Amino acid sequence: LGKCGGYDSDVLAAMYWAAGLTVPAPLLAGTPPVNATPARVINMSLGGRGVCSPLYAEAVREITSAGALVVAAAGNDGRPVDNPANCSGALGVAGLRHVGTKVGYSNLGPQVGIAAPAGNCVNLLPGTPCLFALDTTSDAGSQQPAGPAYTTAFNGNVGTSFSSPLVAASAGLMLAVNPALTPVKLIARLRGTARPFPTVSDTQ
């Protein structure tokens, strides 16, 4: 995807290529060379409303069978989990606020496998900083790369798009220690070592 977005076919083609698989012909004109260094973890800080589509379901199934874990953001609308995070085999990631409870805007549903920090701008008034923004690296360009930059409380970033790569990075560290871990085992170990959601939420 570029700065101006893209199509599902672009996302699906990239998923297959990243996993070292042949990109199905309907998704891409021509046949790109197979990725010689396939990914073991694919982060997807994107999504769309609706149930898991057949194309995404098949892609996640094939990629998981090839040994790569698909980690996807649950979404930021306070609604059911987005596609492809709601696809069987994908690890859907919801967002947490600073105190460890689900942040209000995060999508939630039975397809969420784990949650991670997403940031939260509470009590935000014009001209005031985001109280719990996620500081991260960025680029200063608006239409093309212009040099490294980083976000701040006055240029805040929040969302499950930040939660998902935190989980994907953890999975990558696990694979660095034990490359034999399958996607199913990665998900089980990540979930098994996570703290459960509080039984009583708060209003922060």
Protein backbone atom coordinates (compact mmCIF):
# COMPACT_ATOMS: atom_id res chain seq x y z
CA LEU A 1 0.00 0.00 0.00
CA GLY A 2 1.12 3.54 -0.67
CA LYS A 3 0.34 6.86 0.97
CA CYS A 4 -2.93 7.04 -0.97
CA GLY A 5 -4.05 3.53 -0.09
CA GLY A 6 -4.54 0.57 -2.40
CA TYR A 7 -6.74 -2.39 -3.18
CA ASP A 8 -7.41 -5.72 -1.51
CA SER A 9 -5.62 -7.33 -4.45
CA ASP A 10 -2.49 -5.34 -3.54
CA VAL A 11 -2.67 -6.47 0.09
CA LEU A 12 -3.31 -10.09 -0.81
CA ALA A 13 -0.50 -10.17 -3.37
CA ALA A 14 1.88 -8.71 -0.79
CA MET A 15 0.83 -11.30 1.79
CA TYR A 16 1.57 -14.21 -0.55
CA TRP A 17 4.86 -12.69 -1.70
CA ALA A 18 6.02 -11.91 1.85
CA ALA A 19 5.40 -15.53 2.85
CA GLY A 20 7.48 -16.81 -0.08
CA LEU A 21 4.48 -18.18 -1.95
CA THR A 22 3.56 -17.77 -5.59
CA VAL A 23 1.12 -14.89 -6.00
CA PRO A 24 -2.14 -16.23 -7.50
CA ALA A 25 -2.57 -15.04 -11.08
CA PRO A 26 -5.87 -13.13 -10.60
CA LEU A 27 -4.25 -10.84 -8.02
CA LEU A 28 -1.36 -9.50 -10.07
CA ALA A 29 -0.57 -8.94 -13.73
CA GLY A 30 2.49 -10.99 -14.51
CA THR A 31 4.31 -13.29 -12.14
CA PRO A 32 6.76 -11.68 -9.72
CA PRO A 33 9.80 -13.69 -8.66
CA VAL A 34 9.26 -15.77 -5.53
CA ASN A 35 10.58 -14.08 -2.39
CA ALA A 36 13.85 -15.83 -1.56
CA THR A 37 13.79 -14.69 2.07
CA PRO A 38 10.20 -15.32 3.21
CA ALA A 39 8.84 -13.76 6.37
CA ARG A 40 7.88 -15.89 9.36
CA VAL A 41 5.65 -13.15 10.80
CA ILE A 42 3.47 -10.82 8.72
CA ASN A 43 2.09 -7.74 10.46
CA MET A 44 -1.05 -6.15 9.03
CA SER A 45 -1.82 -2.73 10.49
CA LEU A 46 -4.88 -2.41 8.29
CA GLY A 47 -8.36 -3.78 7.90
CA GLY A 48 -11.89 -3.27 6.70
CA ARG A 49 -15.37 -3.88 8.01
CA GLY A 50 -17.18 -7.12 7.42
CA VAL A 51 -16.63 -10.82 7.83
CA CYS A 52 -13.46 -12.50 6.63
CA SER A 53 -13.73 -12.64 2.85
CA PRO A 54 -13.06 -15.91 0.99
CA LEU A 55 -9.91 -14.42 -0.59
CA TYR A 56 -8.44 -13.38 2.76
CA ALA A 57 -9.51 -16.66 4.36
CA GLU A 58 -7.67 -18.64 1.69
CA ALA A 59 -4.60 -16.40 1.91
CA VAL A 60 -4.35 -16.76 5.69
CA ARG A 61 -4.86 -20.53 5.41
CA GLU A 62 -2.11 -20.95 2.82
CA ILE A 63 0.31 -18.59 4.57
CA THR A 64 -0.23 -20.28 7.93
CA SER A 65 0.28 -23.69 6.33
CA ALA A 66 3.57 -22.37 4.93
CA GLY A 67 4.70 -21.58 8.50
CA ALA A 68 4.14 -17.81 8.69
CA LEU A 69 2.05 -16.13 11.37
CA VAL A 70 -0.40 -13.42 10.27
CA VAL A 71 -0.87 -10.74 12.96
CA ALA A 72 -3.58 -8.16 12.25
CA ALA A 73 -5.07 -5.06 13.89
CA ALA A 74 -8.61 -5.49 15.21
CA GLY A 75 -9.67 -1.98 14.14
CA ASN A 76 -10.54 1.32 15.79
CA ASP A 77 -14.30 1.80 15.46
CA GLY A 78 -15.56 0.20 18.68
CA ARG A 79 -17.25 -2.39 16.47
CA PRO A 80 -16.80 -6.07 15.61
CA VAL A 81 -13.30 -7.14 14.58
CA ASP A 82 -12.13 -6.06 11.12
CA ASN A 83 -11.16 -8.28 8.21
CA PRO A 84 -8.49 -9.85 8.02
CA ALA A 85 -8.02 -9.90 11.81
CA ASN A 86 -11.27 -11.88 12.00
CA CYS A 87 -10.00 -14.62 9.66
CA SER A 88 -9.46 -18.06 11.12
CA GLY A 89 -5.76 -18.61 11.77
CA ALA A 90 -4.87 -14.93 12.01
CA LEU A 91 -3.94 -13.43 15.38
CA GLY A 92 -6.29 -10.46 15.86
CA VAL A 93 -4.94 -7.76 18.17
CA ALA A 94 -7.12 -5.40 20.20
CA GLY A 95 -5.89 -2.19 21.83
CA LEU A 96 -5.16 -1.43 25.49
CA ARG A 97 -5.12 1.94 27.24
CA HIS A 98 -2.32 2.92 29.60
CA VAL A 99 -3.88 1.18 32.64
CA GLY A 100 -4.22 -2.18 30.88
CA THR A 101 -7.93 -2.26 30.07
CA LYS A 102 -9.38 -2.24 26.54
CA VAL A 103 -9.32 1.25 25.09
CA GLY A 104 -12.80 2.39 24.10
CA TYR A 105 -12.21 2.80 20.38
CA SER A 106 -10.69 -0.66 19.89
CA ASN A 107 -12.79 -3.23 18.07
CA LEU A 108 -13.51 -6.35 20.10
CA GLY A 109 -14.99 -9.76 19.53
CA PRO A 110 -14.29 -13.49 19.78
CA GLN A 111 -11.75 -13.24 16.94
CA VAL A 112 -9.36 -11.18 19.10
CA GLY A 113 -6.52 -13.40 20.28
CA ILE A 114 -4.54 -10.90 22.35
CA ALA A 115 -4.28 -7.19 23.13
CA ALA A 116 -1.39 -4.72 23.32
CA PRO A 117 -0.88 -0.98 24.00
CA ALA A 118 -2.70 1.25 21.54
CA GLY A 119 -2.48 4.70 23.13
CA ASN A 120 -5.34 6.88 24.27
CA CYS A 121 -6.03 10.62 23.99
CA VAL A 122 -8.31 11.28 26.96
CA ASN A 123 -9.67 14.71 27.91
CA LEU A 124 -8.27 16.15 24.70
CA LEU A 125 -8.97 19.85 24.21
CA PRO A 126 -7.88 22.02 21.26
CA GLY A 127 -4.18 22.82 21.48
CA THR A 128 -3.47 20.37 24.29
CA PRO A 129 -1.27 17.28 24.03
CA CYS A 130 -2.54 13.75 23.67
CA LEU A 131 -2.05 12.40 27.19
CA PHE A 132 -1.20 8.83 26.24
CA ALA A 133 0.02 8.99 22.65
CA LEU A 134 2.46 6.42 21.30
CA ASP A 135 5.76 8.02 20.35
CA THR A 136 7.15 6.35 17.27
CA THR A 137 9.45 6.92 14.33
CA SER A 138 8.06 8.56 11.24
CA ASP A 139 9.15 10.49 8.17
CA ALA A 140 8.96 14.25 7.72
CA GLY A 141 7.78 14.05 4.11
CA SER A 142 4.18 14.58 3.07
CA GLN A 143 4.42 13.16 -0.47
CA GLN A 144 7.85 11.50 -0.53
CA PRO A 145 10.58 10.59 1.96
CA ALA A 146 12.14 13.72 3.46
CA GLY A 147 14.10 12.38 6.41
CA PRO A 148 13.56 10.75 9.79
CA ALA A 149 11.19 12.22 12.32
CA TYR A 150 9.18 11.05 15.30
CA THR A 151 5.72 11.65 16.66
CA THR A 152 5.03 13.54 19.88
CA ALA A 153 2.15 14.21 22.24
CA PHE A 154 1.13 17.12 19.98
CA ASN A 155 1.27 14.92 16.89
CA GLY A 156 -0.13 11.85 18.54
CA ASN A 157 -0.53 8.38 17.18
CA VAL A 158 -3.03 5.92 18.64
CA GLY A 159 -4.75 2.81 17.35
CA THR A 160 -4.60 -0.94 17.00
CA SER A 161 -2.26 -0.40 14.06
CA PHE A 162 0.34 0.17 16.76
CA SER A 163 -0.82 -2.76 18.92
CA SER A 164 -0.41 -5.29 16.13
CA PRO A 165 3.31 -4.73 15.41
CA LEU A 166 4.11 -4.96 19.12
CA VAL A 167 2.67 -8.48 19.08
CA ALA A 168 4.33 -9.29 15.74
CA ALA A 169 7.70 -8.18 17.14
CA SER A 170 7.24 -10.42 20.16
CA ALA A 171 6.52 -13.35 17.85
CA GLY A 172 9.66 -12.51 15.87
CA LEU A 173 11.77 -12.56 19.03
CA MET A 174 10.29 -15.94 19.94
CA LEU A 175 11.21 -17.32 16.52
CA ALA A 176 14.73 -15.97 16.89
CA VAL A 177 15.09 -18.18 19.97
CA ASN A 178 13.15 -21.16 18.63
CA PRO A 179 12.70 -21.21 14.82
CA ALA A 180 10.73 -24.46 15.08
CA LEU A 181 7.66 -22.70 16.54
CA THR A 182 4.64 -22.97 14.27
CA PRO A 183 1.99 -20.23 13.97
CA VAL A 184 -0.33 -22.26 16.21
CA LYS A 185 2.35 -22.64 18.88
CA LEU A 186 3.29 -18.96 18.65
CA ILE A 187 -0.32 -17.94 19.26
CA ALA A 188 -0.68 -20.39 22.14
CA ARG A 189 2.49 -19.17 23.86
CA LEU A 190 1.69 -15.50 23.36
CA ARG A 191 -1.78 -15.99 24.81
CA GLY A 192 -0.54 -18.26 27.57
CA THR A 193 1.88 -15.63 28.88
CA ALA A 194 -0.47 -12.63 28.58
CA ARG A 195 -2.35 -11.18 31.52
CA PRO A 196 -6.14 -11.64 31.33
CA PHE A 197 -8.40 -8.63 30.88
CA PRO A 198 -9.66 -7.20 34.18
CA THR A 199 -13.11 -8.51 35.08
CA VAL A 200 -14.22 -4.95 35.87
CA SER A 201 -13.40 -2.16 33.40
CA ASP A 202 -12.99 1.52 34.16
CA THR A 203 -14.06 4.78 32.55
CA GLN A 204 -10.62 6.26 31.80
